C-alpha atoms as a PDB file:
ATOM      1  CA  MET A   1      89.726 103.908  91.113  1.00  0.00           C
ATOM      2  CA  ASN A   2      87.901 106.636  89.199  1.00  0.00           C
ATOM      3  CA  LYS A   3      89.803 109.546  87.714  1.00  0.00           C
ATOM      4  CA  LEU A   4      89.932 112.830  89.590  1.00  0.00           C
ATOM      5  CA  THR A   5      86.866 114.792  88.540  1.00  0.00           C
ATOM      6  CA  HIS A   6      88.212 118.285  89.241  1.00  0.00           C
ATOM      7  CA  PHE A   7      90.698 118.125  86.348  1.00  0.00           C
ATOM      8  CA  ASP A   8      89.883 118.244  82.645  1.00  0.00           C
ATOM      9  CA  ASP A   9      91.559 116.076  79.994  1.00  0.00           C
ATOM     10  CA  SER A  10      94.496 118.497  79.758  1.00  0.00           C
ATOM     11  CA  GLY A  11      95.063 118.517  83.528  1.00  0.00           C
ATOM     12  CA  GLN A  12      93.544 121.930  84.207  1.00  0.00           C
ATOM     13  CA  ALA A  13      91.468 122.408  87.363  1.00  0.00           C
ATOM     14  CA  HIS A  14      87.791 123.046  86.743  1.00  0.00           C
ATOM     15  CA  MET A  15      84.453 122.997  88.531  1.00  0.00           C
ATOM     16  CA  VAL A  16      82.638 119.748  87.743  1.00  0.00           C
ATOM     17  CA  ASN A  17      79.551 120.231  85.587  1.00  0.00           C
ATOM     18  CA  VAL A  18      76.590 118.908  87.576  1.00  0.00           C
ATOM     19  CA  GLY A  19      73.958 120.539  85.337  1.00  0.00           C
ATOM     20  CA  ASN A  20      72.735 117.248  83.891  1.00  0.00           C
ATOM     21  CA  LYS A  21      72.723 115.295  87.143  1.00  0.00           C
ATOM     22  CA  PRO A  22      69.341 114.592  88.738  1.00  0.00           C
ATOM     23  CA  ASN A  23      68.390 116.144  92.048  1.00  0.00           C
ATOM     24  CA  THR A  24      68.392 113.554  94.819  1.00  0.00           C
ATOM     25  CA  HIS A  25      68.148 113.777  98.599  1.00  0.00           C
ATOM     26  CA  ARG A  26      71.731 113.724  99.878  1.00  0.00           C
ATOM     27  CA  ILE A  27      73.053 113.266 103.393  1.00  0.00           C
ATOM     28  CA  ALA A  28      76.599 113.316 104.730  1.00  0.00           C
ATOM     29  CA  VAL A  29      77.772 112.613 108.275  1.00  0.00           C
ATOM     30  CA  ALA A  30      81.263 113.637 109.406  1.00  0.00           C
ATOM     31  CA  SER A  31      83.036 113.690 112.746  1.00  0.00           C
ATOM     32  CA  GLY A  32      86.177 114.758 114.546  1.00  0.00           C
ATOM     33  CA  ARG A  33      87.446 115.440 118.032  1.00  0.00           C
ATOM     34  CA  ILE A  34      89.523 117.858 120.028  1.00  0.00           C
ATOM     35  CA  LEU A  35      91.773 116.677 122.855  1.00  0.00           C
ATOM     36  CA  MET A  36      92.488 119.015 125.762  1.00  0.00           C
ATOM     37  CA  GLN A  37      93.581 119.254 129.367  1.00  0.00           C
ATOM     38  CA  ALA A  38      91.117 117.902 131.927  1.00  0.00           C
ATOM     39  CA  GLU A  39      90.724 121.375 133.438  1.00  0.00           C
ATOM     40  CA  THR A  40      89.755 122.831 130.055  1.00  0.00           C
ATOM     41  CA  LEU A  41      87.078 120.202 129.534  1.00  0.00           C
ATOM     42  CA  GLN A  42      85.760 120.770 133.054  1.00  0.00           C
ATOM     43  CA  MET A  43      85.514 124.507 132.395  1.00  0.00           C
ATOM     44  CA  ILE A  44      83.563 123.892 129.174  1.00  0.00           C
ATOM     45  CA  GLU A  45      81.271 121.359 130.857  1.00  0.00           C
ATOM     46  CA  ALA A  46      80.610 123.675 133.821  1.00  0.00           C
ATOM     47  CA  GLY A  47      79.837 126.605 131.537  1.00  0.00           C
ATOM     48  CA  SER A  48      82.286 128.732 133.491  1.00  0.00           C
ATOM     49  CA  HIS A  49      84.278 130.074 130.528  1.00  0.00           C
ATOM     50  CA  LYS A  50      84.334 133.871 130.648  1.00  0.00           C
ATOM     51  CA  LYS A  51      83.616 134.031 126.890  1.00  0.00           C
ATOM     52  CA  GLY A  52      80.311 132.199 127.313  1.00  0.00           C
ATOM     53  CA  ASP A  53      78.781 128.948 126.087  1.00  0.00           C
ATOM     54  CA  VAL A  54      81.692 127.364 124.206  1.00  0.00           C
ATOM     55  CA  LEU A  55      79.730 124.504 122.647  1.00  0.00           C
ATOM     56  CA  GLY A  56      76.753 126.689 121.757  1.00  0.00           C
ATOM     57  CA  ILE A  57      78.997 129.127 119.923  1.00  0.00           C
ATOM     58  CA  ALA A  58      80.903 126.263 118.258  1.00  0.00           C
ATOM     59  CA  ARG A  59      77.582 124.798 117.066  1.00  0.00           C
ATOM     60  CA  ILE A  60      76.567 128.081 115.418  1.00  0.00           C
ATOM     61  CA  ALA A  61      80.056 128.462 113.904  1.00  0.00           C
ATOM     62  CA  GLY A  62      79.846 124.966 112.393  1.00  0.00           C
ATOM     63  CA  ILE A  63      76.434 125.620 110.874  1.00  0.00           C
ATOM     64  CA  GLN A  64      77.628 128.950 109.484  1.00  0.00           C
ATOM     65  CA  ALA A  65      80.748 127.299 108.043  1.00  0.00           C
ATOM     66  CA  SER A  66      78.701 124.614 106.302  1.00  0.00           C
ATOM     67  CA  LYS A  67      76.815 127.378 104.489  1.00  0.00           C
ATOM     68  CA  LYS A  68      80.095 129.041 103.435  1.00  0.00           C
ATOM     69  CA  THR A  69      81.906 125.924 102.191  1.00  0.00           C
ATOM     70  CA  SER A  70      81.885 126.997  98.539  1.00  0.00           C
ATOM     71  CA  ASP A  71      83.534 130.281  99.594  1.00  0.00           C
ATOM     72  CA  LEU A  72      86.364 128.348 101.277  1.00  0.00           C
ATOM     73  CA  ILE A  73      86.913 125.382  98.941  1.00  0.00           C
ATOM     74  CA  PRO A  74      87.471 126.780  95.432  1.00  0.00           C
ATOM     75  CA  LEU A  75      85.843 124.047  93.342  1.00  0.00           C
ATOM     76  CA  CYS A  76      82.847 123.284  95.593  1.00  0.00           C
ATOM     77  CA  HIS A  77      79.425 124.163  94.283  1.00  0.00           C
ATOM     78  CA  PRO A  78      77.264 126.482  96.387  1.00  0.00           C
ATOM     79  CA  LEU A  79      74.473 124.343  97.827  1.00  0.00           C
ATOM     80  CA  ALA A  80      71.040 125.043  99.202  1.00  0.00           C
ATOM     81  CA  LEU A  81      71.368 123.135 102.461  1.00  0.00           C
ATOM     82  CA  THR A  82      68.089 121.826 103.832  1.00  0.00           C
ATOM     83  CA  HIS A  83      69.413 120.730 107.228  1.00  0.00           C
ATOM     84  CA  VAL A  84      72.617 120.878 109.288  1.00  0.00           C
ATOM     85  CA  SER A  85      72.936 119.523 112.827  1.00  0.00           C
ATOM     86  CA  LEU A  86      75.944 119.387 115.153  1.00  0.00           C
ATOM     87  CA  GLU A  87      76.223 117.198 118.207  1.00  0.00           C
ATOM     88  CA  PHE A  88      78.955 117.341 120.822  1.00  0.00           C
ATOM     89  CA  GLU A  89      79.852 114.534 123.197  1.00  0.00           C
ATOM     90  CA  SER A  90      82.383 114.972 125.993  1.00  0.00           C
ATOM     91  CA  ASP A  91      84.692 112.096 126.858  1.00  0.00           C
ATOM     92  CA  LEU A  92      85.947 112.595 130.412  1.00  0.00           C
ATOM     93  CA  LYS A  93      88.332 109.625 130.193  1.00  0.00           C
ATOM     94  CA  GLU A  94      90.055 110.947 127.055  1.00  0.00           C
ATOM     95  CA  ASN A  95      89.661 114.645 127.946  1.00  0.00           C
ATOM     96  CA  SER A  96      88.132 115.299 124.561  1.00  0.00           C
ATOM     97  CA  ILE A  97      85.036 116.553 122.826  1.00  0.00           C
ATOM     98  CA  HIS A  98      83.718 114.607 119.862  1.00  0.00           C
ATOM     99  CA  CYS A  99      81.769 116.530 117.195  1.00  0.00           C
ATOM    100  CA  THR A 100      79.379 114.889 114.727  1.00  0.00           C
ATOM    101  CA  VAL A 101      77.725 116.808 111.886  1.00  0.00           C
ATOM    102  CA  GLN A 102      74.910 115.766 109.589  1.00  0.00           C
ATOM    103  CA  ALA A 103      74.332 117.902 106.498  1.00  0.00           C
ATOM    104  CA  GLU A 104      71.511 117.461 104.001  1.00  0.00           C
ATOM    105  CA  THR A 105      70.384 118.873 100.665  1.00  0.00           C
ATOM    106  CA  THR A 106      68.315 117.940  97.665  1.00  0.00           C
ATOM    107  CA  GLY A 107      70.357 118.595  94.586  1.00  0.00           C
ATOM    108  CA  PRO A 108      72.773 117.348  91.938  1.00  0.00           C
ATOM    109  CA  THR A 109      75.876 117.098  94.141  1.00  0.00           C
ATOM    110  CA  GLY A 110      76.758 115.828  97.602  1.00  0.00           C
ATOM    111  CA  VAL A 111      77.219 117.519 100.967  1.00  0.00           C
ATOM    112  CA  GLU A 112      80.369 115.761 102.186  1.00  0.00           C
ATOM    113  CA  MET A 113      82.478 118.925 102.070  1.00  0.00           C
ATOM    114  CA  GLU A 114      79.848 120.893 103.983  1.00  0.00           C
ATOM    115  CA  ALA A 115      79.755 118.303 106.770  1.00  0.00           C
ATOM    116  CA  LEU A 116      83.566 118.113 106.956  1.00  0.00           C
ATOM    117  CA  THR A 117      83.922 121.908 106.945  1.00  0.00           C
ATOM    118  CA  ALA A 118      81.358 122.242 109.737  1.00  0.00           C
ATOM    119  CA  VAL A 119      83.281 119.739 111.903  1.00  0.00           C
ATOM    120  CA  GLN A 120      86.582 121.528 111.382  1.00  0.00           C
ATOM    121  CA  VAL A 121      85.242 125.006 112.082  1.00  0.00           C
ATOM    122  CA  ALA A 122      83.278 123.883 115.146  1.00  0.00           C
ATOM    123  CA  LEU A 123      86.423 122.300 116.594  1.00  0.00           C
ATOM    124  CA  LEU A 124      88.524 125.333 115.638  1.00  0.00           C
ATOM    125  CA  THR A 125      85.998 127.527 117.446  1.00  0.00           C
ATOM    126  CA  ILE A 126      86.442 125.462 120.611  1.00  0.00           C
ATOM    127  CA  TYR A 127      90.200 125.893 120.206  1.00  0.00           C
ATOM    128  CA  ASP A 128      89.868 129.630 119.657  1.00  0.00           C
ATOM    129  CA  MET A 129      87.657 130.145 122.688  1.00  0.00           C
ATOM    130  CA  CYS A 130      89.886 128.060 124.986  1.00  0.00           C
ATOM    131  CA  LYS A 131      93.394 128.749 123.684  1.00  0.00           C
ATOM    132  CA  ALA A 132      94.119 131.260 126.447  1.00  0.00           C
ATOM    133  CA  VAL A 133      93.975 128.432 128.997  1.00  0.00           C
ATOM    134  CA  ASP A 134      95.107 125.480 126.828  1.00  0.00           C
ATOM    135  CA  ARG A 135      97.255 126.091 123.748  1.00  0.00           C
ATOM    136  CA  GLY A 136      98.105 122.385 123.483  1.00  0.00           C
ATOM    137  CA  MET A 137      94.675 121.215 122.290  1.00  0.00           C
ATOM    138  CA  VAL A 138      94.796 118.821 119.333  1.00  0.00           C
ATOM    139  CA  ILE A 139      92.157 118.462 116.629  1.00  0.00           C
ATOM    140  CA  SER A 140      92.174 114.967 115.149  1.00  0.00           C
ATOM    141  CA  GLU A 141      90.287 112.173 113.463  1.00  0.00           C
ATOM    142  CA  VAL A 142      88.251 114.416 111.156  1.00  0.00           C
ATOM    143  CA  LYS A 143      86.573 112.093 108.683  1.00  0.00           C
ATOM    144  CA  LEU A 144      83.517 111.318 106.640  1.00  0.00           C
ATOM    145  CA  LEU A 145      81.466 108.627 108.363  1.00  0.00           C
ATOM    146  CA  GLU A 146      78.785 108.090 105.744  1.00  0.00           C
ATOM    147  CA  LYS A 147      77.003 109.586 102.762  1.00  0.00           C
ATOM    148  CA  SER A 148      73.904 108.761 100.791  1.00  0.00           C
ATOM    149  CA  GLY A 149      72.229 109.933  97.615  1.00  0.00           C
ATOM    150  CA  GLY A 150      73.374 110.488  94.080  1.00  0.00           C
ATOM    151  CA  LYS A 151      74.678 108.058  91.515  1.00  0.00           C
ATOM    152  CA  SER A 152      77.160 106.424  93.907  1.00  0.00           C
ATOM    153  CA  GLY A 153      74.435 105.771  96.503  1.00  0.00           C
ATOM    154  CA  GLU A 154      75.288 104.736 100.048  1.00  0.00           C
ATOM    155  CA  TRP A 155      78.799 104.765 101.498  1.00  0.00           C
ATOM    156  CA  LYS A 156      79.901 104.061 105.080  1.00  0.00           C
ATOM    157  CA  SER A 157      83.349 104.285 106.606  1.00  0.00           C
ATOM    158  CA  ASN A 158      84.789 101.050 107.907  1.00  0.00           C
ATOM    159  CA  LYS A 159      87.090 102.921 110.308  1.00  0.00           C
END
């Protein structure tokens, strides 16, 4: 296993120097899901929530969050994102909504944190909009599915 890159030789936290790394096209895909009561999912699917289009607002929130990742995670570099997409898929059997995010940039560092942040904030937005009717929702299984670009190349989750 490689050493942790966000600590210097004396153990102090620092922002990794990516100044000498080449710019490459980088992609990261992350996902997660939110479990809820059947009635909550039906309300979202029917578009009958009094606050409006839950998934549309969650999509915008996720995109916005991806652009603010370096403001939230102290040692993340600010990135010029070239593309961010969020997809939602309802699972009526599990009473859940699955969120998948793809983030892209061309630069010296990856976009894994941006994709993961977008998933979390999109799911938190669903929670926030629906908590008045279902406080027991559970966000789970947030994970990186794959990444490409950079020195380490391609990586895919086996889970």
